[in-house]
Amino acid sequence: MKLVYTDEAIEDLKRLRQFIAAHDPSAAARVAAELVAKIELLPDFPKMGAPVEVAPVPDSIRDMVFGKYIVRYSVHASAIIILRVWHELKGER
Protein backbone atom coordinates (compact mmCIF):
# COMPACT_ATOMS: atom_id res chain seq x y z
CA MET A 1 0.00 0.00 0.00
CA LYS A 2 1.33 3.42 -0.99
CA LEU A 3 1.65 6.40 1.39
CA VAL A 4 0.74 9.78 -0.14
CA TYR A 5 0.94 13.23 1.49
CA THR A 6 -1.31 16.07 0.39
CA ASP A 7 0.33 19.46 -0.11
CA GLU A 8 -1.51 20.65 3.01
CA ALA A 9 -0.06 17.82 5.11
CA ILE A 10 3.46 18.62 3.89
CA GLU A 11 2.97 22.27 4.82
CA ASP A 12 1.56 21.21 8.21
CA LEU A 13 4.69 19.15 8.92
CA LYS A 14 6.98 22.01 7.89
CA ARG A 15 5.05 24.46 10.07
CA LEU A 16 5.13 22.11 13.09
CA ARG A 17 8.87 21.62 12.74
CA GLN A 18 9.47 25.39 12.46
CA PHE A 19 7.31 26.04 15.52
CA ILE A 20 9.14 23.44 17.60
CA ALA A 21 12.53 24.70 16.37
CA ALA A 22 11.69 28.22 17.53
CA HIS A 23 11.17 26.91 21.08
CA ASP A 24 13.54 23.94 21.21
CA PRO A 25 15.82 23.50 18.17
CA SER A 26 17.18 20.16 19.33
CA ALA A 27 13.69 18.70 19.66
CA ALA A 28 12.46 19.78 16.22
CA ALA A 29 14.24 17.12 14.18
CA ARG A 30 13.54 14.41 16.76
CA VAL A 31 9.81 15.13 16.98
CA ALA A 32 9.49 15.39 13.19
CA ALA A 33 11.32 12.08 12.71
CA GLU A 34 9.18 10.33 15.34
CA LEU A 35 5.99 11.66 13.76
CA VAL A 36 7.01 10.56 10.26
CA ALA A 37 8.03 7.14 11.63
CA LYS A 38 4.54 6.71 13.10
CA ILE A 39 2.93 7.81 9.83
CA GLU A 40 5.05 5.25 7.95
CA LEU A 41 3.35 2.48 9.98
CA LEU A 42 -0.04 3.29 8.46
CA PRO A 43 0.27 1.22 5.25
CA ASP A 44 0.77 -1.87 7.42
CA PHE A 45 -1.80 -0.83 10.03
CA PRO A 46 -4.39 1.37 8.24
CA LYS A 47 -6.97 1.00 11.01
CA MET A 48 -4.51 2.27 13.63
CA GLY A 49 -6.35 5.58 13.91
CA ALA A 50 -9.86 6.18 15.19
CA PRO A 51 -12.69 6.73 12.69
CA VAL A 52 -13.78 10.34 12.25
CA GLU A 53 -17.45 9.98 13.11
CA VAL A 54 -18.52 13.20 11.35
CA ALA A 55 -17.01 12.08 8.02
CA PRO A 56 -19.48 10.95 5.32
CA VAL A 57 -17.92 7.46 5.51
CA PRO A 58 -16.41 7.38 9.02
CA ASP A 59 -14.27 4.30 8.49
CA SER A 60 -12.51 5.83 5.47
CA ILE A 61 -11.29 8.97 7.30
CA ARG A 62 -9.32 8.35 10.46
CA ASP A 63 -7.32 10.26 13.08
CA MET A 64 -4.11 8.85 14.51
CA VAL A 65 -3.02 10.53 17.73
CA PHE A 66 0.69 10.59 18.47
CA GLY A 67 1.57 12.45 21.63
CA LYS A 68 0.16 15.95 21.16
CA TYR A 69 -0.28 15.57 17.40
CA ILE A 70 -3.14 14.37 15.23
CA VAL A 71 -2.65 12.90 11.79
CA ARG A 72 -5.83 12.82 9.69
CA TYR A 73 -5.73 10.37 6.83
CA SER A 74 -7.97 8.56 4.38
CA VAL A 75 -7.84 4.86 3.64
CA HIS A 76 -8.10 3.60 0.07
CA ALA A 77 -7.56 0.18 -1.51
CA SER A 78 -4.10 1.03 -2.83
CA ALA A 79 -3.05 4.06 -0.75
CA ILE A 80 -3.15 5.87 2.56
CA ILE A 81 -3.50 9.61 1.97
CA ILE A 82 -2.21 11.88 4.73
CA LEU A 83 -4.67 14.79 4.70
CA ARG A 84 -3.53 17.04 7.57
CA VAL A 85 -1.28 17.07 10.63
CA TRP A 86 -1.82 19.37 13.59
CA HIS A 87 -1.10 19.93 17.27
CA GLU A 88 -4.02 18.85 19.40
CA LEU A 89 -5.51 21.70 21.37
CA LYS A 90 -6.79 20.76 24.78
CA GLY A 91 -10.51 20.01 24.68
CA GLU A 92 -10.70 19.92 20.87
CA ARG A 93 -10.92 17.09 18.44
C-alpha atoms as a PDB file:
ATOM      1  CA  MET A   1       0.000   0.000   0.000  1.00  0.00           C
ATOM      2  CA  LYS A   2       1.330   3.416  -0.985  1.00  0.00           C
ATOM      3  CA  LEU A   3       1.650   6.400   1.388  1.00  0.00           C
ATOM      4  CA  VAL A   4       0.742   9.781  -0.142  1.00  0.00           C
ATOM      5  CA  TYR A   5       0.944  13.225   1.495  1.00  0.00           C
ATOM      6  CA  THR A   6      -1.305  16.075   0.395  1.00  0.00           C
ATOM      7  CA  ASP A   7       0.329  19.465  -0.108  1.00  0.00           C
ATOM      8  CA  GLU A   8      -1.513  20.651   3.013  1.00  0.00           C
ATOM      9  CA  ALA A   9      -0.063  17.821   5.109  1.00  0.00           C
ATOM     10  CA  ILE A  10       3.459  18.621   3.887  1.00  0.00           C
ATOM     11  CA  GLU A  11       2.975  22.275   4.825  1.00  0.00           C
ATOM     12  CA  ASP A  12       1.563  21.208   8.209  1.00  0.00           C
ATOM     13  CA  LEU A  13       4.689  19.150   8.919  1.00  0.00           C
ATOM     14  CA  LYS A  14       6.979  22.011   7.893  1.00  0.00           C
ATOM     15  CA  ARG A  15       5.047  24.464  10.072  1.00  0.00           C
ATOM     16  CA  LEU A  16       5.131  22.110  13.094  1.00  0.00           C
ATOM     17  CA  ARG A  17       8.874  21.624  12.742  1.00  0.00           C
ATOM     18  CA  GLN A  18       9.473  25.395  12.463  1.00  0.00           C
ATOM     19  CA  PHE A  19       7.305  26.042  15.518  1.00  0.00           C
ATOM     20  CA  ILE A  20       9.140  23.439  17.603  1.00  0.00           C
ATOM     21  CA  ALA A  21      12.531  24.696  16.374  1.00  0.00           C
ATOM     22  CA  ALA A  22      11.692  28.219  17.532  1.00  0.00           C
ATOM     23  CA  HIS A  23      11.172  26.910  21.078  1.00  0.00           C
ATOM     24  CA  ASP A  24      13.540  23.935  21.209  1.00  0.00           C
ATOM     25  CA  PRO A  25      15.816  23.497  18.170  1.00  0.00           C
ATOM     26  CA  SER A  26      17.183  20.162  19.330  1.00  0.00           C
ATOM     27  CA  ALA A  27      13.692  18.703  19.660  1.00  0.00           C
ATOM     28  CA  ALA A  28      12.460  19.782  16.215  1.00  0.00           C
ATOM     29  CA  ALA A  29      14.241  17.119  14.176  1.00  0.00           C
ATOM     30  CA  ARG A  30      13.537  14.415  16.762  1.00  0.00           C
ATOM     31  CA  VAL A  31       9.807  15.128  16.976  1.00  0.00           C
ATOM     32  CA  ALA A  32       9.490  15.386  13.194  1.00  0.00           C
ATOM     33  CA  ALA A  33      11.323  12.077  12.709  1.00  0.00           C
ATOM     34  CA  GLU A  34       9.178  10.331  15.337  1.00  0.00           C
ATOM     35  CA  LEU A  35       5.993  11.664  13.760  1.00  0.00           C
ATOM     36  CA  VAL A  36       7.008  10.556  10.260  1.00  0.00           C
ATOM     37  CA  ALA A  37       8.027   7.136  11.630  1.00  0.00           C
ATOM     38  CA  LYS A  38       4.537   6.705  13.100  1.00  0.00           C
ATOM     39  CA  ILE A  39       2.935   7.807   9.828  1.00  0.00           C
ATOM     40  CA  GLU A  40       5.045   5.250   7.954  1.00  0.00           C
ATOM     41  CA  LEU A  41       3.352   2.477   9.981  1.00  0.00           C
ATOM     42  CA  LEU A  42      -0.039   3.288   8.461  1.00  0.00           C
ATOM     43  CA  PRO A  43       0.273   1.224   5.248  1.00  0.00           C
ATOM     44  CA  ASP A  44       0.771  -1.874   7.419  1.00  0.00           C
ATOM     45  CA  PHE A  45      -1.803  -0.834  10.031  1.00  0.00           C
ATOM     46  CA  PRO A  46      -4.387   1.368   8.236  1.00  0.00           C
ATOM     47  CA  LYS A  47      -6.972   0.995  11.006  1.00  0.00           C
ATOM     48  CA  MET A  48      -4.505   2.271  13.630  1.00  0.00           C
ATOM     49  CA  GLY A  49      -6.346   5.579  13.914  1.00  0.00           C
ATOM     50  CA  ALA A  50      -9.863   6.181  15.189  1.00  0.00           C
ATOM     51  CA  PRO A  51     -12.685   6.728  12.688  1.00  0.00           C
ATOM     52  CA  VAL A  52     -13.776  10.344  12.249  1.00  0.00           C
ATOM     53  CA  GLU A  53     -17.455   9.984  13.106  1.00  0.00           C
ATOM     54  CA  VAL A  54     -18.516  13.204  11.353  1.00  0.00           C
ATOM     55  CA  ALA A  55     -17.014  12.078   8.021  1.00  0.00           C
ATOM     56  CA  PRO A  56     -19.483  10.947   5.322  1.00  0.00           C
ATOM     57  CA  VAL A  57     -17.923   7.464   5.509  1.00  0.00           C
ATOM     58  CA  PRO A  58     -16.414   7.380   9.020  1.00  0.00           C
ATOM     59  CA  ASP A  59     -14.266   4.295   8.488  1.00  0.00           C
ATOM     60  CA  SER A  60     -12.507   5.831   5.467  1.00  0.00           C
ATOM     61  CA  ILE A  61     -11.293   8.973   7.296  1.00  0.00           C
ATOM     62  CA  ARG A  62      -9.322   8.349  10.463  1.00  0.00           C
ATOM     63  CA  ASP A  63      -7.325  10.259  13.078  1.00  0.00           C
ATOM     64  CA  MET A  64      -4.113   8.849  14.508  1.00  0.00           C
ATOM     65  CA  VAL A  65      -3.025  10.533  17.725  1.00  0.00           C
ATOM     66  CA  PHE A  66       0.686  10.591  18.468  1.00  0.00           C
ATOM     67  CA  GLY A  67       1.569  12.450  21.629  1.00  0.00           C
ATOM     68  CA  LYS A  68       0.157  15.951  21.165  1.00  0.00           C
ATOM     69  CA  TYR A  69      -0.276  15.570  17.397  1.00  0.00           C
ATOM     70  CA  ILE A  70      -3.143  14.367  15.232  1.00  0.00           C
ATOM     71  CA  VAL A  71      -2.647  12.903  11.785  1.00  0.00           C
ATOM     72  CA  ARG A  72      -5.826  12.822   9.694  1.00  0.00           C
ATOM     73  CA  TYR A  73      -5.729  10.367   6.829  1.00  0.00           C
ATOM     74  CA  SER A  74      -7.974   8.563   4.381  1.00  0.00           C
ATOM     75  CA  VAL A  75      -7.845   4.862   3.644  1.00  0.00           C
ATOM     76  CA  HIS A  76      -8.100   3.596   0.070  1.00  0.00           C
ATOM     77  CA  ALA A  77      -7.564   0.180  -1.507  1.00  0.00           C
ATOM     78  CA  SER A  78      -4.103   1.029  -2.825  1.00  0.00           C
ATOM     79  CA  ALA A  79      -3.054   4.057  -0.754  1.00  0.00           C
ATOM     80  CA  ILE A  80      -3.151   5.870   2.556  1.00  0.00           C
ATOM     81  CA  ILE A  81      -3.499   9.608   1.972  1.00  0.00           C
ATOM     82  CA  ILE A  82      -2.215  11.882   4.727  1.00  0.00           C
ATOM     83  CA  LEU A  83      -4.668  14.789   4.703  1.00  0.00           C
ATOM     84  CA  ARG A  84      -3.532  17.040   7.574  1.00  0.00           C
ATOM     85  CA  VAL A  85      -1.282  17.070  10.631  1.00  0.00           C
ATOM     86  CA  TRP A  86      -1.820  19.365  13.594  1.00  0.00           C
ATOM     87  CA  HIS A  87      -1.095  19.930  17.266  1.00  0.00           C
ATOM     88  CA  GLU A  88      -4.019  18.852  19.400  1.00  0.00           C
ATOM     89  CA  LEU A  89      -5.507  21.700  21.373  1.00  0.00           C
ATOM     90  CA  LYS A  90      -6.785  20.756  24.780  1.00  0.00           C
ATOM     91  CA  GLY A  91     -10.512  20.006  24.685  1.00  0.00           C
ATOM     92  CA  GLU A  92     -10.699  19.921  20.873  1.00  0.00           C
ATOM     93  CA  ARG A  93     -10.924  17.086  18.441  1.00  0.00           C
END
